[in-house]
Amino acid sequence: MARASGAEVTLLPLEHERGWALDLDRLRAVLRPATRAVVINFPHSPTGALPPAATLEALAEQRGFWLVADEVYRLLELDPAERWPPAVDRSPRALSIGVMTKAFGLGGLRIGWIACHDRELLRRFAARANLALLDEFFVEQAGWIEWVRPRASAGSFAGSRAWSRGGGRRAARPRGDGPGWCGPAWRWCSAAAAGSAGTIGRSWPAQTW
């Protein structure tokens, strides 16, 4: 998403040999004067790695970038003594992102939040709320979408109805499972490959980074 909006993105992989820990020296080496934000995910998915020392917040304040902390797995630490306070409580240059989905198992509520000390930044987030854009998409594409409720779940899954594109029967599928046309929201492939002979290919929308 950041690349799609025109940002230059530098990835800093976590390594098994380092215990999946974030190497602050390597982070310092890739920072540039124009760096606007550093995005972290701790507790990390899927490794379970915990956040580094508070040096990260100090670095954000020293270098002037925003520390965007994806903390959706916070409160799932096996040892509560290893639980860090939210990043937003540790630095005025930090944003903490949380949801009700992971630790509380309440994904169907569709509740998430961004906590930040900068009111103007929060106002800008609220002006372009992601869930509002998602709602608009589902309303606009209502003719192609069927909602499927699992037998045991708090929410429903979006599936797309089979349709014709270029004379062939098609159904939506996630990315990464064979050839097909990749559009802005869905990956299209043959209905036969989707396991559907022209009814519905149940799938998640494809991510489009």
Protein backbone atom coordinates (compact mmCIF):
# COMPACT_ATOMS: atom_id res chain seq x y z
CA MET A 1 0.00 0.00 0.00
CA ALA A 2 2.82 2.40 0.82
CA ARG A 3 4.49 1.70 -2.54
CA ALA A 4 1.17 2.11 -4.33
CA SER A 5 0.83 5.58 -2.84
CA GLY A 6 4.28 6.56 -4.17
CA ALA A 7 6.41 5.95 -1.07
CA GLU A 8 9.85 4.38 -1.27
CA VAL A 9 9.90 1.32 0.99
CA THR A 10 12.95 -0.41 2.51
CA LEU A 11 12.39 -3.84 4.06
CA LEU A 12 14.45 -5.05 7.01
CA PRO A 13 13.98 -8.85 7.31
CA LEU A 14 14.09 -10.53 10.70
CA GLU A 15 16.46 -13.51 10.86
CA HIS A 16 16.18 -16.81 12.68
CA GLU A 17 19.86 -16.71 13.60
CA ARG A 18 19.21 -13.50 15.56
CA GLY A 19 16.18 -14.90 17.33
CA TRP A 20 13.90 -12.89 15.02
CA ALA A 21 14.99 -9.77 16.92
CA LEU A 22 15.07 -6.35 15.30
CA ASP A 23 18.71 -5.33 14.82
CA LEU A 24 18.82 -1.64 15.69
CA ASP A 25 22.25 -1.19 14.12
CA ARG A 26 20.91 -2.46 10.78
CA LEU A 27 17.90 -0.19 11.17
CA ARG A 28 20.13 2.83 11.72
CA ALA A 29 22.11 1.88 8.61
CA VAL A 30 19.04 1.97 6.32
CA LEU A 31 17.53 5.16 7.72
CA ARG A 32 17.78 8.15 5.40
CA PRO A 33 17.22 11.87 6.04
CA ALA A 34 13.92 11.58 4.18
CA THR A 35 12.63 8.61 6.22
CA ARG A 36 9.12 9.54 7.36
CA ALA A 37 8.08 6.40 9.24
CA VAL A 38 9.33 3.07 10.53
CA VAL A 39 6.66 0.36 10.75
CA ILE A 40 7.15 -2.46 13.26
CA ASN A 41 5.03 -5.47 14.28
CA PHE A 42 5.52 -6.66 17.87
CA PRO A 43 4.66 -9.13 19.23
CA HIS A 44 5.70 -10.28 15.80
CA SER A 45 3.58 -12.55 13.61
CA PRO A 46 4.33 -15.38 13.05
CA THR A 47 7.56 -15.66 15.08
CA GLY A 48 6.28 -14.32 18.40
CA ALA A 49 9.34 -12.07 18.77
CA LEU A 50 8.93 -9.29 21.31
CA PRO A 51 9.80 -5.61 20.83
CA PRO A 52 13.35 -4.30 21.24
CA ALA A 53 14.46 -2.02 24.04
CA ALA A 54 13.15 1.52 24.35
CA THR A 55 16.09 2.63 22.20
CA LEU A 56 13.69 2.38 19.24
CA GLU A 57 11.46 5.13 20.61
CA ALA A 58 14.49 7.26 21.42
CA LEU A 59 15.73 6.78 17.87
CA ALA A 60 12.37 7.94 16.49
CA GLU A 61 12.56 11.12 18.56
CA GLN A 62 16.19 11.72 17.63
CA ARG A 63 15.72 11.21 13.88
CA GLY A 64 12.23 12.70 13.65
CA PHE A 65 10.38 9.79 12.00
CA TRP A 66 7.05 8.33 13.09
CA LEU A 67 7.23 4.93 14.78
CA VAL A 68 4.15 3.02 13.57
CA ALA A 69 3.66 0.07 15.92
CA ASP A 70 1.38 -2.74 14.76
CA GLU A 71 0.42 -4.16 18.17
CA VAL A 72 -2.52 -6.34 17.20
CA TYR A 73 -0.99 -9.36 18.99
CA ARG A 74 -0.27 -7.47 22.19
CA LEU A 75 -1.75 -9.17 25.30
CA LEU A 76 -0.94 -12.60 23.84
CA GLU A 77 2.54 -12.77 25.43
CA LEU A 78 3.05 -16.08 27.23
CA ASP A 79 4.72 -14.25 30.11
CA PRO A 80 2.88 -11.05 31.09
CA ALA A 81 6.13 -9.81 32.64
CA GLU A 82 7.52 -9.49 29.09
CA ARG A 83 4.64 -7.31 27.95
CA TRP A 84 5.70 -3.80 26.96
CA PRO A 85 3.44 -0.77 27.32
CA PRO A 86 1.97 0.43 24.00
CA ALA A 87 4.46 2.37 21.92
CA VAL A 88 2.24 5.46 22.09
CA ASP A 89 2.79 5.47 25.87
CA ARG A 90 6.55 5.39 25.38
CA SER A 91 7.04 8.16 22.84
CA PRO A 92 5.20 11.20 21.42
CA ARG A 93 6.54 10.11 17.98
CA ALA A 94 4.78 6.73 18.12
CA LEU A 95 1.45 5.44 16.85
CA SER A 96 -0.07 2.26 18.29
CA ILE A 97 -2.41 0.16 16.13
CA GLY A 98 -4.74 -2.34 17.78
CA VAL A 99 -7.77 -4.46 16.96
CA MET A 100 -10.33 -6.62 18.76
CA THR A 101 -9.61 -9.53 16.42
CA LYS A 102 -6.47 -11.23 17.75
CA ALA A 103 -6.25 -11.11 21.54
CA PHE A 104 -10.01 -10.92 22.06
CA GLY A 105 -11.23 -13.10 19.17
CA LEU A 106 -13.88 -10.56 18.15
CA GLY A 107 -13.14 -10.04 14.46
CA GLY A 108 -16.80 -9.75 13.55
CA LEU A 109 -17.07 -6.50 15.49
CA ARG A 110 -14.75 -4.78 12.96
CA ILE A 111 -13.26 -2.58 15.68
CA GLY A 112 -9.72 -1.27 15.50
CA TRP A 113 -7.90 1.85 16.56
CA ILE A 114 -4.91 4.09 16.08
CA ALA A 115 -3.61 5.84 19.21
CA CYS A 116 -1.40 8.90 18.77
CA HIS A 117 -0.57 12.12 20.60
CA ASP A 118 -0.82 14.21 17.41
CA ARG A 119 -4.45 15.31 17.06
CA GLU A 120 -3.96 16.70 13.56
CA LEU A 121 -2.55 13.38 12.37
CA LEU A 122 -5.52 11.53 13.90
CA ARG A 123 -7.89 13.95 12.16
CA ARG A 124 -6.27 13.14 8.82
CA PHE A 125 -6.66 9.42 9.50
CA ALA A 126 -10.33 9.88 10.37
CA ALA A 127 -10.94 11.82 7.15
CA ARG A 128 -9.96 8.76 5.13
CA ALA A 129 -11.01 5.83 7.26
CA ASN A 130 -10.11 2.52 5.67
CA LEU A 131 -13.30 0.78 6.77
CA ALA A 132 -15.38 3.51 5.12
CA LEU A 133 -13.53 2.89 1.84
CA LEU A 134 -14.10 -0.85 2.24
CA ASP A 135 -17.81 -0.28 2.83
CA GLU A 136 -17.99 1.84 -0.33
CA PHE A 137 -16.28 -0.92 -2.32
CA PHE A 138 -18.74 -3.60 -1.18
CA VAL A 139 -21.71 -1.34 -1.90
CA GLU A 140 -20.42 -0.56 -5.41
CA GLN A 141 -19.66 -4.23 -6.15
CA ALA A 142 -22.78 -5.68 -4.49
CA GLY A 143 -23.85 -7.37 -7.71
CA TRP A 144 -20.68 -9.48 -7.77
CA ILE A 145 -20.45 -10.37 -4.08
CA GLU A 146 -22.12 -13.04 -2.00
CA TRP A 147 -21.62 -13.12 1.78
CA VAL A 148 -20.90 -16.55 3.19
CA ARG A 149 -21.34 -17.18 6.93
CA PRO A 150 -19.32 -20.11 8.31
CA ARG A 151 -21.05 -22.48 10.71
CA ALA A 152 -18.97 -21.15 13.61
CA SER A 153 -17.82 -17.55 13.27
CA ALA A 154 -18.56 -14.03 14.43
CA GLY A 155 -18.41 -12.70 10.87
CA SER A 156 -18.99 -13.57 7.23
CA PHE A 157 -16.66 -14.04 4.27
CA ALA A 158 -16.98 -12.24 0.97
CA GLY A 159 -17.15 -14.45 -2.10
CA SER A 160 -17.52 -13.29 -5.71
CA ARG A 161 -20.08 -14.63 -8.12
CA ALA A 162 -18.80 -16.30 -11.29
CA TRP A 163 -18.86 -14.00 -14.30
CA SER A 164 -17.73 -13.76 -17.90
CA ARG A 165 -14.56 -11.93 -18.90
CA GLY A 166 -13.30 -12.14 -22.46
CA GLY A 167 -15.66 -15.00 -23.28
CA GLY A 168 -14.43 -17.24 -20.44
CA ARG A 169 -16.17 -18.19 -17.27
CA ARG A 170 -14.32 -16.69 -14.30
CA ALA A 171 -14.41 -16.66 -10.51
CA ALA A 172 -12.46 -14.72 -7.92
CA ARG A 173 -9.49 -16.32 -6.22
CA PRO A 174 -6.73 -15.07 -3.93
CA ARG A 175 -3.32 -14.27 -5.40
CA GLY A 176 -0.52 -16.76 -5.63
CA ASP A 177 -2.22 -20.00 -6.70
CA GLY A 178 -1.75 -20.18 -10.44
CA PRO A 179 -2.05 -18.09 -13.58
CA GLY A 180 -4.74 -15.52 -13.98
CA TRP A 181 -5.52 -11.86 -14.44
CA CYS A 182 -4.70 -9.73 -11.42
CA GLY A 183 -7.00 -6.76 -11.05
CA PRO A 184 -7.03 -4.05 -8.39
CA ALA A 185 -9.10 -6.03 -5.92
CA TRP A 186 -9.36 -9.66 -7.06
CA ARG A 187 -7.35 -12.35 -8.78
CA TRP A 188 -9.32 -13.95 -11.60
CA CYS A 189 -8.81 -17.48 -12.85
CA SER A 190 -10.84 -20.17 -14.56
CA ALA A 191 -13.89 -21.37 -12.68
CA ALA A 192 -12.65 -24.93 -13.05
CA ALA A 193 -9.42 -24.01 -11.27
CA ALA A 194 -11.48 -22.30 -8.60
CA GLY A 195 -13.26 -25.54 -7.89
CA SER A 196 -16.55 -24.14 -9.13
CA ALA A 197 -18.33 -24.98 -12.33
CA GLY A 198 -19.87 -21.53 -12.69
CA THR A 199 -21.41 -20.87 -9.31
CA ILE A 200 -19.16 -19.02 -6.92
CA GLY A 201 -15.45 -18.89 -6.09
CA ARG A 202 -15.30 -18.16 -2.38
CA SER A 203 -12.21 -16.18 -1.51
CA TRP A 204 -10.63 -13.30 0.33
CA PRO A 205 -9.97 -10.14 -1.67
CA ALA A 206 -6.39 -10.21 -2.93
CA GLN A 207 -3.96 -7.85 -1.29
CA THR A 208 -2.55 -5.35 -3.73
CA TRP A 209 0.76 -4.05 -2.39
